[in-house]
Amino acid sequence: MKHFGTIKTFDETQGRGSITPEKGGDELRFERSAISWDPKVAPKTGQRLSYELLEKDGRTSAMNLQTV
Protein backbone atom coordinates (compact mmCIF):
# COMPACT_ATOMS: atom_id res chain seq x y z
CA MET A 1 0.00 0.00 0.00
CA LYS A 2 1.37 3.40 -0.97
CA HIS A 3 1.60 6.24 1.50
CA PHE A 4 2.54 9.86 0.89
CA GLY A 5 4.74 12.28 2.78
CA THR A 6 7.43 14.94 2.50
CA ILE A 7 11.14 14.81 3.15
CA LYS A 8 11.93 16.46 6.48
CA THR A 9 15.67 15.79 6.51
CA PHE A 10 18.31 14.05 4.45
CA ASP A 11 22.01 13.77 5.33
CA GLU A 12 23.97 13.03 2.15
CA THR A 13 27.07 12.03 4.11
CA GLN A 14 25.27 9.34 6.12
CA GLY A 15 22.76 8.50 3.38
CA ARG A 16 19.84 8.68 5.82
CA GLY A 17 16.80 10.87 6.23
CA SER A 18 13.29 11.18 7.57
CA ILE A 19 9.81 11.61 6.08
CA THR A 20 6.80 13.33 7.61
CA PRO A 21 3.69 11.28 6.71
CA GLU A 22 0.80 13.30 5.22
CA LYS A 23 -1.75 11.44 7.34
CA GLY A 24 0.12 12.25 10.53
CA GLY A 25 1.98 10.01 12.90
CA ASP A 26 5.63 9.58 13.74
CA GLU A 27 8.40 10.51 11.34
CA LEU A 28 9.73 7.61 9.33
CA ARG A 29 13.40 6.94 8.72
CA PHE A 30 14.79 5.87 5.37
CA GLU A 31 18.15 5.10 3.82
CA ARG A 32 19.51 6.00 0.39
CA SER A 33 18.97 2.38 -0.69
CA ALA A 34 15.17 2.92 -0.33
CA ILE A 35 15.18 5.51 -3.15
CA SER A 36 13.88 4.19 -6.48
CA TRP A 37 15.34 6.89 -8.70
CA ASP A 38 18.96 7.67 -9.64
CA PRO A 39 20.85 7.43 -6.32
CA LYS A 40 23.12 10.28 -7.43
CA VAL A 41 20.11 12.63 -7.15
CA ALA A 42 19.57 13.30 -3.45
CA PRO A 43 16.06 13.90 -2.10
CA LYS A 44 15.34 17.52 -1.18
CA THR A 45 13.74 18.85 2.00
CA GLY A 46 10.04 19.44 1.35
CA GLN A 47 9.91 17.07 -1.63
CA ARG A 48 6.68 15.04 -1.79
CA LEU A 49 7.10 11.28 -2.20
CA SER A 50 5.16 8.05 -2.18
CA TYR A 51 6.54 5.17 -0.17
CA GLU A 52 5.75 1.79 1.32
CA LEU A 53 6.25 0.73 4.92
CA LEU A 54 8.77 -1.83 6.13
CA GLU A 55 8.59 -3.22 9.66
CA LYS A 56 11.79 -4.80 10.91
CA ASP A 57 13.05 -5.45 14.44
CA GLY A 58 10.10 -3.52 15.91
CA ARG A 59 10.82 -0.41 13.85
CA THR A 60 8.89 1.00 10.92
CA SER A 61 10.76 2.68 8.08
CA ALA A 62 9.99 3.90 4.57
CA MET A 63 11.05 1.95 1.48
CA ASN A 64 10.52 2.13 -2.27
CA LEU A 65 10.51 5.94 -2.26
CA GLN A 66 9.22 7.45 -5.51
CA THR A 67 8.74 11.02 -6.64
CA VAL A 68 5.16 12.17 -7.08
PDB file of N, CA and C in Angstrom:
ATOM      1  N   MET A   1       0.832  -1.174   0.000  1.00  0.00           N
ATOM      2  CA  MET A   1       0.000   0.000   0.000  1.00  0.00           C
ATOM      3  C   MET A   1       0.878   1.238   0.000  1.00  0.00           C
ATOM      4  N   LYS A   2       0.569   2.176  -0.888  1.00  0.00           N
ATOM      5  CA  LYS A   2       1.367   3.399  -0.971  1.00  0.00           C
ATOM      6  C   LYS A   2       0.884   4.433   0.026  1.00  0.00           C
ATOM      7  N   HIS A   3       1.851   5.136   0.582  1.00  0.00           N
ATOM      8  CA  HIS A   3       1.601   6.242   1.500  1.00  0.00           C
ATOM      9  C   HIS A   3       2.289   7.461   0.900  1.00  0.00           C
ATOM     10  N   PHE A   4       1.945   8.633   1.395  1.00  0.00           N
ATOM     11  CA  PHE A   4       2.538   9.860   0.887  1.00  0.00           C
ATOM     12  C   PHE A   4       3.069  10.695   2.043  1.00  0.00           C
ATOM     13  N   GLY A   5       4.146  11.415   1.767  1.00  0.00           N
ATOM     14  CA  GLY A   5       4.745  12.276   2.776  1.00  0.00           C
ATOM     15  C   GLY A   5       5.763  13.195   2.148  1.00  0.00           C
ATOM     16  N   THR A   6       6.406  14.016   2.980  1.00  0.00           N
ATOM     17  CA  THR A   6       7.426  14.936   2.501  1.00  0.00           C
ATOM     18  C   THR A   6       8.736  14.693   3.251  1.00  0.00           C
ATOM     19  N   ILE A   7       9.816  14.958   2.557  1.00  0.00           N
ATOM     20  CA  ILE A   7      11.144  14.807   3.150  1.00  0.00           C
ATOM     21  C   ILE A   7      11.330  15.897   4.206  1.00  0.00           C
ATOM     22  N   LYS A   8      11.639  15.490   5.416  1.00  0.00           N
ATOM     23  CA  LYS A   8      11.926  16.457   6.479  1.00  0.00           C
ATOM     24  C   LYS A   8      13.425  16.725   6.531  1.00  0.00           C
ATOM     25  N   THR A   9      14.212  15.646   6.476  1.00  0.00           N
ATOM     26  CA  THR A   9      15.666  15.792   6.510  1.00  0.00           C
ATOM     27  C   THR A   9      16.300  14.744   5.600  1.00  0.00           C
ATOM     28  N   PHE A  10      17.500  15.053   5.127  1.00  0.00           N
ATOM     29  CA  PHE A  10      18.314  14.053   4.446  1.00  0.00           C
ATOM     30  C   PHE A  10      19.774  14.452   4.591  1.00  0.00           C
ATOM     31  N   ASP A  11      20.576  13.550   5.137  1.00  0.00           N
ATOM     32  CA  ASP A  11      22.005  13.768   5.325  1.00  0.00           C
ATOM     33  C   ASP A  11      22.736  12.984   4.235  1.00  0.00           C
ATOM     34  N   GLU A  12      23.291  13.696   3.268  1.00  0.00           N
ATOM     35  CA  GLU A  12      23.966  13.029   2.146  1.00  0.00           C
ATOM     36  C   GLU A  12      25.193  12.246   2.596  1.00  0.00           C
ATOM     37  N   THR A  13      25.882  12.714   3.625  1.00  0.00           N
ATOM     38  CA  THR A  13      27.071  12.033   4.105  1.00  0.00           C
ATOM     39  C   THR A  13      26.726  10.659   4.684  1.00  0.00           C
ATOM     40  N   GLN A  14      25.672  10.601   5.503  1.00  0.00           N
ATOM     41  CA  GLN A  14      25.272   9.340   6.124  1.00  0.00           C
ATOM     42  C   GLN A  14      24.342   8.528   5.230  1.00  0.00           C
ATOM     43  N   GLY A  15      23.687   9.201   4.260  1.00  0.00           N
ATOM     44  CA  GLY A  15      22.756   8.502   3.381  1.00  0.00           C
ATOM     45  C   GLY A  15      21.466   8.126   4.071  1.00  0.00           C
ATOM     46  N   ARG A  16      21.055   8.940   5.057  1.00  0.00           N
ATOM     47  CA  ARG A  16      19.837   8.679   5.820  1.00  0.00           C
ATOM     48  C   ARG A  16      18.990   9.940   5.914  1.00  0.00           C
ATOM     49  N   GLY A  17      17.685   9.728   6.089  1.00  0.00           N
ATOM     50  CA  GLY A  17      16.797  10.870   6.234  1.00  0.00           C
ATOM     51  C   GLY A  17      15.511  10.481   6.921  1.00  0.00           C
ATOM     52  N   SER A  18      14.579  11.443   6.951  1.00  0.00           N
ATOM     53  CA  SER A  18      13.285  11.183   7.569  1.00  0.00           C
ATOM     54  C   SER A  18      12.176  11.793   6.719  1.00  0.00           C
ATOM     55  N   ILE A  19      11.003  11.189   6.818  1.00  0.00           N
ATOM     56  CA  ILE A  19       9.814  11.609   6.079  1.00  0.00           C
ATOM     57  C   ILE A  19       8.724  11.925   7.086  1.00  0.00           C
ATOM     58  N   THR A  20       7.980  13.011   6.836  1.00  0.00           N
ATOM     59  CA  THR A  20       6.796  13.330   7.614  1.00  0.00           C
ATOM     60  C   THR A  20       5.587  12.804   6.856  1.00  0.00           C
ATOM     61  N   PRO A  21       4.856  11.828   7.401  1.00  0.00           N
ATOM     62  CA  PRO A  21       3.689  11.279   6.714  1.00  0.00           C
ATOM     63  C   PRO A  21       2.574  12.326   6.579  1.00  0.00           C
ATOM     64  N   GLU A  22       1.894  12.354   5.433  1.00  0.00           N
ATOM     65  CA  GLU A  22       0.802  13.301   5.216  1.00  0.00           C
ATOM     66  C   GLU A  22      -0.375  13.038   6.145  1.00  0.00           C
ATOM     67  N   LYS A  23      -0.601  11.781   6.495  1.00  0.00           N
ATOM     68  CA  LYS A  23      -1.747  11.443   7.341  1.00  0.00           C
ATOM     69  C   LYS A  23      -1.422  11.564   8.826  1.00  0.00           C
ATOM     70  N   GLY A  24      -0.263  12.098   9.140  1.00  0.00           N
ATOM     71  CA  GLY A  24       0.122  12.254  10.534  1.00  0.00           C
ATOM     72  C   GLY A  24       0.858  11.032  11.051  1.00  0.00           C
ATOM     73  N   GLY A  25       1.242  11.109  12.289  1.00  0.00           N
ATOM     74  CA  GLY A  25       1.983  10.011  12.897  1.00  0.00           C
ATOM     75  C   GLY A  25       3.451  10.352  13.031  1.00  0.00           C
ATOM     76  N   ASP A  26       4.199   9.391  13.507  1.00  0.00           N
ATOM     77  CA  ASP A  26       5.632   9.578  13.738  1.00  0.00           C
ATOM     78  C   ASP A  26       6.396   9.701  12.427  1.00  0.00           C
ATOM     79  N   GLU A  27       7.500  10.431  12.499  1.00  0.00           N
ATOM     80  CA  GLU A  27       8.402  10.509  11.338  1.00  0.00           C
ATOM     81  C   GLU A  27       8.922   9.118  11.033  1.00  0.00           C
ATOM     82  N   LEU A  28       9.191   8.893   9.764  1.00  0.00           N
ATOM     83  CA  LEU A  28       9.729   7.610   9.329  1.00  0.00           C
ATOM     84  C   LEU A  28      11.151   7.800   8.835  1.00  0.00           C
ATOM     85  N   ARG A  29      12.012   6.910   9.177  1.00  0.00           N
ATOM     86  CA  ARG A  29      13.399   6.940   8.716  1.00  0.00           C
ATOM     87  C   ARG A  29      13.495   6.213   7.381  1.00  0.00           C
ATOM     88  N   PHE A  30      14.486   6.597   6.598  1.00  0.00           N
ATOM     89  CA  PHE A  30      14.786   5.874   5.366  1.00  0.00           C
ATOM     90  C   PHE A  30      16.269   5.989   5.075  1.00  0.00           C
ATOM     91  N   GLU A  31      16.755   5.077   4.247  1.00  0.00           N
ATOM     92  CA  GLU A  31      18.149   5.095   3.816  1.00  0.00           C
ATOM     93  C   GLU A  31      18.203   5.303   2.305  1.00  0.00           C
ATOM     94  N   ARG A  32      19.345   5.739   1.825  1.00  0.00           N
ATOM     95  CA  ARG A  32      19.512   6.004   0.388  1.00  0.00           C
ATOM     96  C   ARG A  32      19.098   4.788  -0.452  1.00  0.00           C
ATOM     97  N   SER A  33      19.315   3.598   0.056  1.00  0.00           N
ATOM     98  CA  SER A  33      18.972   2.384  -0.693  1.00  0.00           C
ATOM     99  C   SER A  33      17.465   2.239  -0.912  1.00  0.00           C
ATOM    100  N   ALA A  34      16.632   2.982  -0.177  1.00  0.00           N
ATOM    101  CA  ALA A  34      15.174   2.922  -0.328  1.00  0.00           C
ATOM    102  C   ALA A  34      14.671   3.796  -1.478  1.00  0.00           C
ATOM    103  N   ILE A  35      15.557   4.603  -2.062  1.00  0.00           N
ATOM    104  CA  ILE A  35      15.179   5.512  -3.150  1.00  0.00           C
ATOM    105  C   ILE A  35      15.117   4.746  -4.458  1.00  0.00           C
ATOM    106  N   SER A  36      14.021   4.932  -5.220  1.00  0.00           N
ATOM    107  CA  SER A  36      13.880   4.190  -6.479  1.00  0.00           C
ATOM    108  C   SER A  36      14.287   4.984  -7.712  1.00  0.00           C
ATOM    109  N   TRP A  37      14.841   6.152  -7.553  1.00  0.00           N
ATOM    110  CA  TRP A  37      15.342   6.888  -8.701  1.00  0.00           C
ATOM    111  C   TRP A  37      16.866   6.909  -8.640  1.00  0.00           C
ATOM    112  N   ASP A  38      17.494   7.605  -9.568  1.00  0.00           N
ATOM    113  CA  ASP A  38      18.961   7.667  -9.641  1.00  0.00           C
ATOM    114  C   ASP A  38      19.544   8.036  -8.276  1.00  0.00           C
ATOM    115  N   PRO A  39      20.312   7.160  -7.658  1.00  0.00           N
ATOM    116  CA  PRO A  39      20.848   7.427  -6.320  1.00  0.00           C
ATOM    117  C   PRO A  39      21.804   8.611  -6.260  1.00  0.00           C
ATOM    118  N   LYS A  40      22.253   9.098  -7.411  1.00  0.00           N
ATOM    119  CA  LYS A  40      23.124  10.280  -7.426  1.00  0.00           C
ATOM    120  C   LYS A  40      22.321  11.558  -7.191  1.00  0.00           C
ATOM    121  N   VAL A  41      20.983  11.474  -7.353  1.00  0.00           N
ATOM    122  CA  VAL A  41      20.110  12.625  -7.150  1.00  0.00           C
ATOM    123  C   VAL A  41      19.517  12.519  -5.751  1.00  0.00           C
ATOM    124  N   ALA A  42      20.002  13.354  -4.852  1.00  0.00           N
ATOM    125  CA  ALA A  42      19.568  13.296  -3.454  1.00  0.00           C
ATOM    126  C   ALA A  42      18.166  13.876  -3.297  1.00  0.00           C
ATOM    127  N   PRO A  43      17.375  13.320  -2.385  1.00  0.00           N
ATOM    128  CA  PRO A  43      16.062  13.902  -2.098  1.00  0.00           C
ATOM    129  C   PRO A  43      16.228  15.273  -1.446  1.00  0.00           C
ATOM    130  N   LYS A  44      15.283  16.149  -1.690  1.00  0.00           N
ATOM    131  CA  LYS A  44      15.338  17.521  -1.176  1.00  0.00           C
ATOM    132  C   LYS A  44      14.319  17.712  -0.059  1.00  0.00           C
ATOM    133  N   THR A  45      14.660  18.513   0.925  1.00  0.00           N
ATOM    134  CA  THR A  45      13.741  18.847   1.996  1.00  0.00           C
ATOM    135  C   THR A  45      12.474  19.449   1.396  1.00  0.00           C
ATOM    136  N   GLY A  46      11.315  18.960   1.844  1.00  0.00           N
ATOM    137  CA  GLY A  46      10.036  19.441   1.348  1.00  0.00           C
ATOM    138  C   GLY A  46       9.515  18.702   0.129  1.00  0.00           C
ATOM    139  N   GLN A  47      10.322  17.827  -0.438  1.00  0.00           N
ATOM    140  CA  GLN A  47       9.914  17.066  -1.627  1.00  0.00           C
ATOM    141  C   GLN A  47       8.841  16.050  -1.246  1.00  0.00           C
ATOM    142  N   ARG A  48       7.769  15.985  -2.045  1.00  0.00           N
ATOM    143  CA  ARG A  48       6.677  15.039  -1.791  1.00  0.00           C
ATOM    144  C   ARG A  48       6.996  13.706  -2.462  1.00  0.00           C
ATOM    145  N   LEU A  49       6.785  12.615  -1.711  1.00  0.00           N
ATOM    146  CA  LEU A  49       7.099  11.276  -2.196  1.00  0.00           C
ATOM    147  C   LEU A  49       5.979  10.301  -1.855  1.00  0.00           C
ATOM    148  N   SER A  50       5.958   9.203  -2.596  1.00  0.00           N
ATOM    149  CA  SER A  50       5.160   8.051  -2.184  1.00  0.00           C
ATOM    150  C   SER A  50       6.152   7.025  -1.645  1.00  0.00           C
ATOM    151  N   TYR A  51       5.667   6.172  -0.773  1.00  0.00           N
ATOM    152  CA  TYR A  51       6.544   5.167  -0.169  1.00  0.00           C
ATOM    153  C   TYR A  51       5.697   4.015   0.362  1.00  0.00           C
ATOM    154  N   GLU A  52       6.370   2.938   0.680  1.00  0.00           N
ATOM    155  CA  GLU A  52       5.753   1.788   1.325  1.00  0.00           C
ATOM    156  C   GLU A  52       6.400   1.629   2.696  1.00  0.00           C
ATOM    157  N   LEU A  53       5.727   0.918   3.575  1.00  0.00           N
ATOM    158  CA  LEU A  53       6.248   0.726   4.920  1.00  0.00           C
ATOM    159  C   LEU A  53       6.956  -0.618   5.049  1.00  0.00           C
ATOM    160  N   LEU A  54       8.022  -0.616   5.825  1.00  0.00           N
ATOM    161  CA  LEU A  54       8.767  -1.828   6.133  1.00  0.00           C
ATOM    162  C   LEU A  54       8.893  -1.912   7.651  1.00  0.00           C
ATOM    163  N   GLU A  55       8.442  -3.007   8.228  1.00  0.00           N
ATOM    164  CA  GLU A  55       8.594  -3.219   9.664  1.00  0.00           C
ATOM    165  C   GLU A  55       9.667  -4.274   9.881  1.00  0.00           C
ATOM    166  N   LYS A  56      10.673  -3.894  10.656  1.00  0.00           N
ATOM    167  CA  LYS A  56      11.789  -4.802  10.911  1.00  0.00           C
ATOM    168  C   LYS A  56      12.328  -4.524  12.311  1.00  0.00           C
ATOM    169  N   ASP A  57      12.512  -5.562  13.076  1.00  0.00           N
ATOM    170  CA  ASP A  57      13.049  -5.448  14.436  1.00  0.00           C
ATOM    171  C   ASP A  57      12.268  -4.444  15.285  1.00  0.00           C
ATOM    172  N   GLY A  58      10.946  -4.417  15.119  1.00  0.00           N
ATOM    173  CA  GLY A  58      10.104  -3.524  15.914  1.00  0.00           C
ATOM    174  C   GLY A  58      10.123  -2.073  15.480  1.00  0.00           C
ATOM    175  N   ARG A  59      10.762  -1.777  14.361  1.00  0.00           N
ATOM    176  CA  ARG A  59      10.824  -0.405  13.848  1.00  0.00           C
ATOM    177  C   ARG A  59      10.160  -0.337  12.488  1.00  0.00           C
ATOM    178  N   THR A  60       9.505   0.777  12.222  1.00  0.00           N
ATOM    179  CA  THR A  60       8.887   0.999  10.922  1.00  0.00           C
ATOM    180  C   THR A  60       9.703   2.030  10.172  1.00  0.00           C
ATOM    181  N   SER A  61      10.017   1.746   8.912  1.00  0.00           N
ATOM    182  CA  SER A  61      10.758   2.683   8.082  1.00  0.00           C
ATOM    183  C   SER A  61      10.107   2.747   6.707  1.00  0.00           C
ATOM    184  N   ALA A  62      10.524   3.725   5.917  1.00  0.00           N
ATOM    185  CA  ALA A  62       9.991   3.903   4.575  1.00  0.00           C
ATOM    186  C   ALA A  62      10.900   3.205   3.574  1.00  0.00           C
ATOM    187  N   MET A  63      10.285   2.604   2.547  1.00  0.00           N
ATOM    188  CA  MET A  63      11.047   1.954   1.481  1.00  0.00           C
ATOM    189  C   MET A  63      10.368   2.230   0.154  1.00  0.00           C
ATOM    190  N   ASN A  64      11.048   1.936  -0.928  1.00  0.00           N
ATOM    191  CA  ASN A  64      10.517   2.131  -2.266  1.00  0.00           C
ATOM    192  C   ASN A  64      10.026   3.558  -2.481  1.00  0.00           C
ATOM    193  N   LEU A  65      10.852   4.535  -2.104  1.00  0.00           N
ATOM    194  CA  LEU A  65      10.506   5.945  -2.256  1.00  0.00           C
ATOM    195  C   LEU A  65      10.450   6.306  -3.735  1.00  0.00           C
ATOM    196  N   GLN A  66       9.386   7.008  -4.122  1.00  0.00           N
ATOM    197  CA  GLN A  66       9.218   7.446  -5.510  1.00  0.00           C
ATOM    198  C   GLN A  66       8.737   8.889  -5.520  1.00  0.00           C
ATOM    199  N   THR A  67       9.201   9.645  -6.500  1.00  0.00           N
ATOM    200  CA  THR A  67       8.738  11.024  -6.639  1.00  0.00           C
ATOM    201  C   THR A  67       7.293  11.028  -7.103  1.00  0.00           C
ATOM    202  N   VAL A  68       6.566  12.049  -6.713  1.00  0.00           N
ATOM    203  CA  VAL A  68       5.157  12.171  -7.080  1.00  0.00           C
ATOM    204  C   VAL A  68       4.985  13.399  -7.959  1.00  0.00           C
TER     205      VAL A  68
END
